[in-house]
C-alpha atoms as a PDB file:
ATOM      1  CA  MET A   1       0.127  -0.070  -0.015  1.00  0.00           C
ATOM      2  CA  THR A   2       1.320   3.539  -0.811  1.00  0.00           C
ATOM      3  CA  VAL A   3       0.693   6.920   0.808  1.00  0.00           C
ATOM      4  CA  GLY A   4      -1.408   7.773  -2.163  1.00  0.00           C
ATOM      5  CA  ASP A   5      -3.667   4.824  -1.680  1.00  0.00           C
ATOM      6  CA  ILE A   6      -4.261   5.955   1.899  1.00  0.00           C
ATOM      7  CA  VAL A   7      -4.977   9.556   0.751  1.00  0.00           C
ATOM      8  CA  GLN A   8      -7.667   8.300  -1.621  1.00  0.00           C
ATOM      9  CA  ALA A   9      -9.122   5.717   0.830  1.00  0.00           C
ATOM     10  CA  LEU A  10      -9.404   8.134   3.770  1.00  0.00           C
ATOM     11  CA  GLU A  11     -10.065  11.325   1.665  1.00  0.00           C
ATOM     12  CA  LEU A  12      -7.075  13.148   3.189  1.00  0.00           C
ATOM     13  CA  THR A  13      -5.813  16.514   2.098  1.00  0.00           C
ATOM     14  CA  VAL A  14      -2.256  16.525   0.648  1.00  0.00           C
ATOM     15  CA  TYR A  15      -0.602  19.762   1.989  1.00  0.00           C
ATOM     16  CA  CYS A  16       2.864  19.160   0.734  1.00  0.00           C
ATOM     17  CA  GLY A  17       5.442  16.577  -0.269  1.00  0.00           C
ATOM     18  CA  LYS A  18       3.402  15.219  -3.220  1.00  0.00           C
ATOM     19  CA  LYS A  19       6.575  13.655  -4.637  1.00  0.00           C
ATOM     20  CA  GLY A  20       6.291  11.083  -1.819  1.00  0.00           C
ATOM     21  CA  LEU A  21       2.905   9.807  -2.467  1.00  0.00           C
ATOM     22  CA  GLU A  22       4.346   6.497  -3.983  1.00  0.00           C
ATOM     23  CA  ARG A  23       6.154   5.743  -0.777  1.00  0.00           C
ATOM     24  CA  ARG A  24       5.290   2.355   0.641  1.00  0.00           C
ATOM     25  CA  VAL A  25       3.479   2.177   4.052  1.00  0.00           C
ATOM     26  CA  THR A  26       4.440  -0.467   6.512  1.00  0.00           C
ATOM     27  CA  GLY A  27       2.187   0.634   9.405  1.00  0.00           C
ATOM     28  CA  GLY A  28       1.335   3.610  11.576  1.00  0.00           C
ATOM     29  CA  TYR A  29       2.322   5.347  14.685  1.00  0.00           C
ATOM     30  CA  VAL A  30       0.473   7.809  16.868  1.00  0.00           C
ATOM     31  CA  SER A  31       2.027  10.293  19.235  1.00  0.00           C
ATOM     32  CA  ASP A  32       2.358  13.978  19.817  1.00  0.00           C
ATOM     33  CA  LEU A  33       5.650  13.586  21.764  1.00  0.00           C
ATOM     34  CA  LEU A  34       8.622  13.886  19.337  1.00  0.00           C
ATOM     35  CA  SER A  35      10.919  11.933  21.625  1.00  0.00           C
ATOM     36  CA  ASP A  36       8.408   9.036  21.666  1.00  0.00           C
ATOM     37  CA  VAL A  37       8.248   8.961  17.883  1.00  0.00           C
ATOM     38  CA  MET A  38      12.009   9.256  17.616  1.00  0.00           C
ATOM     39  CA  GLY A  39      12.411   6.259  19.980  1.00  0.00           C
ATOM     40  CA  HIS A  40       9.681   4.022  18.807  1.00  0.00           C
ATOM     41  CA  ALA A  41       8.458   4.721  15.196  1.00  0.00           C
ATOM     42  CA  ASP A  42       9.714   2.405  12.527  1.00  0.00           C
ATOM     43  CA  THR A  43      10.758   3.188   8.886  1.00  0.00           C
ATOM     44  CA  GLY A  44       7.793   3.384   6.506  1.00  0.00           C
ATOM     45  CA  GLN A  45       5.142   4.093   9.068  1.00  0.00           C
ATOM     46  CA  VAL A  46       2.590   6.949   8.811  1.00  0.00           C
ATOM     47  CA  TRP A  47       2.843   9.202  11.772  1.00  0.00           C
ATOM     48  CA  VAL A  48      -0.492  10.549  13.122  1.00  0.00           C
ATOM     49  CA  THR A  49      -0.207  13.768  15.211  1.00  0.00           C
ATOM     50  CA  LEU A  50      -1.453  17.299  15.784  1.00  0.00           C
ATOM     51  CA  GLN A  51       2.120  18.896  15.859  1.00  0.00           C
ATOM     52  CA  THR A  52       2.682  21.184  12.923  1.00  0.00           C
ATOM     53  CA  HIS A  53       6.123  22.746  13.505  1.00  0.00           C
ATOM     54  CA  LYS A  54       9.312  21.973  11.576  1.00  0.00           C
ATOM     55  CA  ASN A  55      10.701  19.550  14.011  1.00  0.00           C
ATOM     56  CA  VAL A  56       8.059  17.123  12.852  1.00  0.00           C
ATOM     57  CA  MET A  57       9.879  16.891   9.544  1.00  0.00           C
ATOM     58  CA  ALA A  58      13.179  16.479  11.296  1.00  0.00           C
ATOM     59  CA  ILE A  59      11.874  13.376  13.065  1.00  0.00           C
ATOM     60  CA  ALA A  60       9.988  12.135   9.921  1.00  0.00           C
ATOM     61  CA  SER A  61      13.168  12.233   7.954  1.00  0.00           C
ATOM     62  CA  LEU A  62      15.303  10.863  10.681  1.00  0.00           C
ATOM     63  CA  LYS A  63      13.031   7.857  11.048  1.00  0.00           C
ATOM     64  CA  ASP A  64      12.405   7.611   7.236  1.00  0.00           C
ATOM     65  CA  LEU A  65       8.530   7.677   7.886  1.00  0.00           C
ATOM     66  CA  ALA A  66       6.180   7.371   4.828  1.00  0.00           C
ATOM     67  CA  ALA A  67       4.114  10.264   5.696  1.00  0.00           C
ATOM     68  CA  VAL A  68       2.550  12.517   8.506  1.00  0.00           C
ATOM     69  CA  ILE A  69      -1.151  12.952   8.973  1.00  0.00           C
ATOM     70  CA  LEU A  70      -2.271  16.025  10.919  1.00  0.00           C
ATOM     71  CA  VAL A  71      -5.554  15.624  12.675  1.00  0.00           C
ATOM     72  CA  THR A  72      -8.451  17.787  13.665  1.00  0.00           C
ATOM     73  CA  GLY A  73      -7.933  20.306  10.859  1.00  0.00           C
ATOM     74  CA  HIS A  74      -4.319  21.263  11.766  1.00  0.00           C
ATOM     75  CA  LYS A  75      -2.139  22.534   8.854  1.00  0.00           C
ATOM     76  CA  PRO A  76       1.570  22.475   8.591  1.00  0.00           C
ATOM     77  CA  ASP A  77       3.403  25.752   9.198  1.00  0.00           C
ATOM     78  CA  GLU A  78       5.508  27.289   6.397  1.00  0.00           C
ATOM     79  CA  ASN A  79       8.835  25.706   7.481  1.00  0.00           C
ATOM     80  CA  THR A  80       7.270  22.243   7.823  1.00  0.00           C
ATOM     81  CA  ALA A  81       5.772  22.524   4.381  1.00  0.00           C
ATOM     82  CA  HIS A  82       9.054  23.573   2.830  1.00  0.00           C
ATOM     83  CA  GLN A  83      10.914  20.725   4.488  1.00  0.00           C
ATOM     84  CA  SER A  84       8.157  18.253   3.450  1.00  0.00           C
ATOM     85  CA  GLU A  85       8.815  19.256  -0.169  1.00  0.00           C
ATOM     86  CA  GLU A  86      12.559  18.888   0.153  1.00  0.00           C
ATOM     87  CA  GLU A  87      12.363  15.540   1.914  1.00  0.00           C
ATOM     88  CA  ALA A  88       9.427  14.194  -0.257  1.00  0.00           C
ATOM     89  CA  ILE A  89       7.619  13.138   2.803  1.00  0.00           C
ATOM     90  CA  PRO A  90       4.005  13.964   2.463  1.00  0.00           C
ATOM     91  CA  VAL A  91       2.201  16.004   5.063  1.00  0.00           C
ATOM     92  CA  LEU A  92      -1.479  15.062   4.984  1.00  0.00           C
ATOM     93  CA  GLY A  93      -4.414  16.407   6.777  1.00  0.00           C
ATOM     94  CA  THR A  94      -7.918  15.466   8.052  1.00  0.00           C
ATOM     95  CA  HIS A  95     -10.626  16.990  10.179  1.00  0.00           C
ATOM     96  CA  MET A  96     -11.074  13.506  11.882  1.00  0.00           C
ATOM     97  CA  SER A  97      -9.680  13.002  15.453  1.00  0.00           C
ATOM     98  CA  ALA A  98      -6.532  10.968  16.028  1.00  0.00           C
ATOM     99  CA  PHE A  99      -8.729   8.277  17.348  1.00  0.00           C
ATOM    100  CA  ASP A 100     -10.957   8.108  14.258  1.00  0.00           C
ATOM    101  CA  VAL A 101      -8.215   8.375  11.622  1.00  0.00           C
ATOM    102  CA  THR A 102      -5.929   5.906  13.442  1.00  0.00           C
ATOM    103  CA  GLY A 103      -8.849   3.309  13.541  1.00  0.00           C
ATOM    104  CA  LYS A 104      -9.488   3.704   9.761  1.00  0.00           C
ATOM    105  CA  LEU A 105      -5.819   3.540   8.948  1.00  0.00           C
ATOM    106  CA  TYR A 106      -5.434   0.387  11.034  1.00  0.00           C
ATOM    107  CA  GLU A 107      -8.370  -1.242   9.162  1.00  0.00           C
ATOM    108  CA  LEU A 108      -6.959  -0.145   5.808  1.00  0.00           C
ATOM    109  CA  ILE A 109      -3.428  -1.362   6.408  1.00  0.00           C
ATOM    110  CA  ASN A 110      -4.612  -4.685   7.862  1.00  0.00           C
ATOM    111  CA  LYS A 111      -7.046  -5.709   5.269  1.00  0.00           C
END
């Protein structure tokens, strides 16, 4: 499954990093603590968070994550969007809560 498949299935907004929509997704990780994601997320996962600052992209790049999903209508700040484009790691958005989008993401990945 690719990031693009998830975008389509969950009707997510692609804010930036469109070059990375073909990245393969291996699973998901949900946390708003950067240190938690840095310590526990795995390569290829989609990170679900409400954090929007540029450090999100530093962690996503360090961990080689497939994409970042921002919940509850949050949008990336300008520095985050710029880094997303440079790293080709998509930043996606939804108005769903972290709980709801995570449940749908889990079902989609584990079909």
